[in-house]
């Protein structure tokens, strides 16, 4: 094999590897974005359930420590969005960042409501409406990803 042919073969192999790695990254974006959206949607529903139950689990109240799972998920989602910022032109990424921001607001509202210690039907309805928006936004991210498959 001549030097020019070998160089072309190596360049072709490198090109194939780059395509393969790029494809893996793209599917990893879809997988991680879907997991993040699903997680936030599920946790938003759980927050709504906690509100409806007046933050009681059986005979005891939901503790501040138990609320930590919701804050941890928010930190993880924000971290992932930061890592995936190279996808900011995608509709799914834009919807994901909106979902994360709205989930963060919902979480703050729910925690303030929990800490107030007194039922407020009007405030509860506002929180449940915000929870439904967050759940719908999670579904929108998943729909965006499905349409781009």
Protein backbone atom coordinates (compact mmCIF):
# COMPACT_ATOMS: atom_id res chain seq x y z
CA UNK A 1 0.00 0.00 0.00
CA UNK A 2 1.36 3.41 -0.89
CA UNK A 3 1.75 6.20 1.67
CA UNK A 4 -1.13 8.21 0.15
CA UNK A 5 -3.46 5.21 0.34
CA UNK A 6 -2.52 4.55 3.95
CA UNK A 7 -3.09 8.15 4.88
CA UNK A 8 -6.51 8.04 3.22
CA UNK A 9 -7.33 4.81 5.06
CA UNK A 10 -6.34 6.34 8.42
CA UNK A 11 -8.33 9.49 7.72
CA UNK A 12 -11.33 7.37 6.74
CA UNK A 13 -11.00 5.33 9.94
CA UNK A 14 -10.70 8.52 12.01
CA UNK A 15 -13.78 9.95 10.30
CA UNK A 16 -15.78 6.79 11.08
CA UNK A 17 -14.70 6.92 14.71
CA UNK A 18 -15.73 10.56 14.97
CA UNK A 19 -19.13 9.75 13.51
CA UNK A 20 -19.54 6.88 15.96
CA UNK A 21 -18.58 9.01 18.94
CA UNK A 22 -20.87 11.81 17.79
CA UNK A 23 -23.73 9.36 17.46
CA UNK A 24 -23.12 8.05 20.98
CA UNK A 25 -23.08 11.58 22.35
CA UNK A 26 -26.33 12.40 20.63
CA UNK A 27 -28.09 9.31 21.95
CA UNK A 28 -26.60 9.99 25.39
CA UNK A 29 -28.13 13.48 25.24
CA UNK A 30 -31.54 12.00 24.45
CA UNK A 31 -31.24 9.38 27.18
CA UNK A 32 -30.07 11.77 29.88
CA UNK A 33 -32.51 14.51 28.90
CA UNK A 34 -35.39 12.04 28.96
CA UNK A 35 -34.28 10.72 32.35
CA UNK A 36 -34.02 14.25 33.76
CA UNK A 37 -37.42 15.30 32.43
CA UNK A 38 -39.06 12.10 33.70
CA UNK A 39 -37.47 12.50 37.11
CA UNK A 40 -38.67 16.09 37.48
CA UNK A 41 -42.15 15.22 36.25
CA UNK A 42 -42.42 12.34 38.72
CA UNK A 43 -41.11 14.43 41.61
CA UNK A 44 -43.51 17.27 40.75
CA UNK A 45 -46.38 14.76 40.99
CA UNK A 46 -45.02 13.57 44.35
CA UNK A 47 -44.91 17.18 45.58
CA UNK A 48 -48.54 17.56 44.54
CA UNK A 49 -49.43 14.39 46.46
CA UNK A 50 -47.64 15.71 49.55
CA UNK A 51 -49.60 18.97 49.32
CA UNK A 52 -52.92 17.15 48.96
CA UNK A 53 -52.08 15.06 52.03
CA UNK A 54 -51.16 18.17 54.07
CA UNK A 55 -47.58 16.86 54.22
CA UNK A 56 -48.58 13.88 56.32
CA UNK A 57 -47.36 10.33 55.78
CA UNK A 58 -49.61 8.21 57.91
CA UNK A 59 -49.42 9.66 61.39
CA UNK A 60 -46.30 11.77 60.89
CA UNK A 61 -45.39 14.93 59.01
CA UNK A 62 -43.00 15.09 56.08
CA UNK A 63 -39.67 16.28 57.47
CA UNK A 64 -37.25 18.82 56.07
CA UNK A 65 -34.79 15.97 55.54
CA UNK A 66 -37.32 14.18 53.34
CA UNK A 67 -37.63 17.30 51.22
CA UNK A 68 -33.93 16.92 50.46
CA UNK A 69 -34.63 14.45 47.66
CA UNK A 70 -36.46 17.19 45.75
CA UNK A 71 -33.62 19.69 46.17
CA UNK A 72 -31.04 17.08 45.22
CA UNK A 73 -32.95 16.36 42.00
CA UNK A 74 -33.03 20.09 41.22
CA UNK A 75 -29.25 20.37 41.70
CA UNK A 76 -28.69 17.31 39.49
CA UNK A 77 -30.97 18.69 36.78
CA UNK A 78 -29.27 22.08 36.82
CA UNK A 79 -25.87 20.42 36.65
CA UNK A 80 -26.93 18.27 33.70
CA UNK A 81 -28.39 21.27 31.85
CA UNK A 82 -25.11 23.09 32.33
CA UNK A 83 -23.18 20.13 30.92
CA UNK A 84 -25.57 19.81 27.97
CA UNK A 85 -25.51 23.52 27.08
CA UNK A 86 -23.91 22.72 23.71
CA UNK A 87 -27.41 21.54 22.74
CA UNK A 88 -29.00 24.90 23.51
CA UNK A 89 -30.32 25.27 19.96
CA UNK A 90 -32.50 22.16 20.36
CA UNK A 91 -36.14 22.63 21.29
CA UNK A 92 -35.81 19.81 23.83
CA UNK A 93 -32.99 21.64 25.61
CA UNK A 94 -34.94 24.90 25.70
CA UNK A 95 -37.97 23.07 27.07
CA UNK A 96 -35.76 21.26 29.59
CA UNK A 97 -34.32 24.51 30.95
CA UNK A 98 -37.84 25.93 31.28
CA UNK A 99 -38.89 22.74 33.08
CA UNK A 100 -35.97 23.01 35.49
CA UNK A 101 -36.70 26.65 36.27
CA UNK A 102 -40.40 25.99 36.83
CA UNK A 103 -39.67 22.91 38.94
CA UNK A 104 -37.37 25.07 41.09
CA UNK A 105 -40.13 27.64 41.58
CA UNK A 106 -42.65 24.91 42.36
CA UNK A 107 -40.32 23.35 44.91
CA UNK A 108 -39.78 26.68 46.66
CA UNK A 109 -43.52 27.37 46.74
CA UNK A 110 -44.29 23.88 48.08
CA UNK A 111 -41.66 24.12 50.79
CA UNK A 112 -42.89 27.54 51.91
CA UNK A 113 -46.43 26.16 51.99
CA UNK A 114 -45.24 23.17 54.03
CA UNK A 115 -43.38 25.37 56.50
CA UNK A 116 -46.38 27.69 56.97
CA UNK A 117 -48.08 24.76 58.71
CA UNK A 118 -51.59 25.88 57.90
CA UNK A 119 -53.86 24.71 55.09
CA UNK A 120 -54.80 27.39 52.57
CA UNK A 121 -57.18 26.12 49.87
CA UNK A 122 -56.44 29.02 47.51
CA UNK A 123 -52.68 28.57 47.82
CA UNK A 124 -53.05 24.81 47.44
CA UNK A 125 -54.93 25.27 44.16
CA UNK A 126 -52.18 27.61 42.87
CA UNK A 127 -49.51 25.06 43.78
CA UNK A 128 -51.41 22.21 42.17
CA UNK A 129 -51.85 24.26 38.99
CA UNK A 130 -48.08 24.94 38.95
CA UNK A 131 -47.44 21.24 39.56
CA UNK A 132 -49.60 20.37 36.54
CA UNK A 133 -47.66 22.86 34.39
CA UNK A 134 -44.37 21.25 35.44
CA UNK A 135 -45.76 17.79 34.65
CA UNK A 136 -46.93 19.02 31.23
CA UNK A 137 -43.51 20.57 30.56
CA UNK A 138 -41.83 17.25 31.36
CA UNK A 139 -44.11 15.57 28.81
CA UNK A 140 -43.23 18.26 26.25
CA UNK A 141 -39.51 17.53 26.63
CA UNK A 142 -40.16 13.82 26.10
CA UNK A 143 -42.31 14.61 23.04
CA UNK A 144 -39.54 16.83 21.60
CA UNK A 145 -37.05 14.00 22.00
CA UNK A 146 -39.39 11.45 20.41
CA UNK A 147 -39.97 13.69 17.40
CA UNK A 148 -36.22 14.06 16.81
CA UNK A 149 -35.50 10.31 16.95
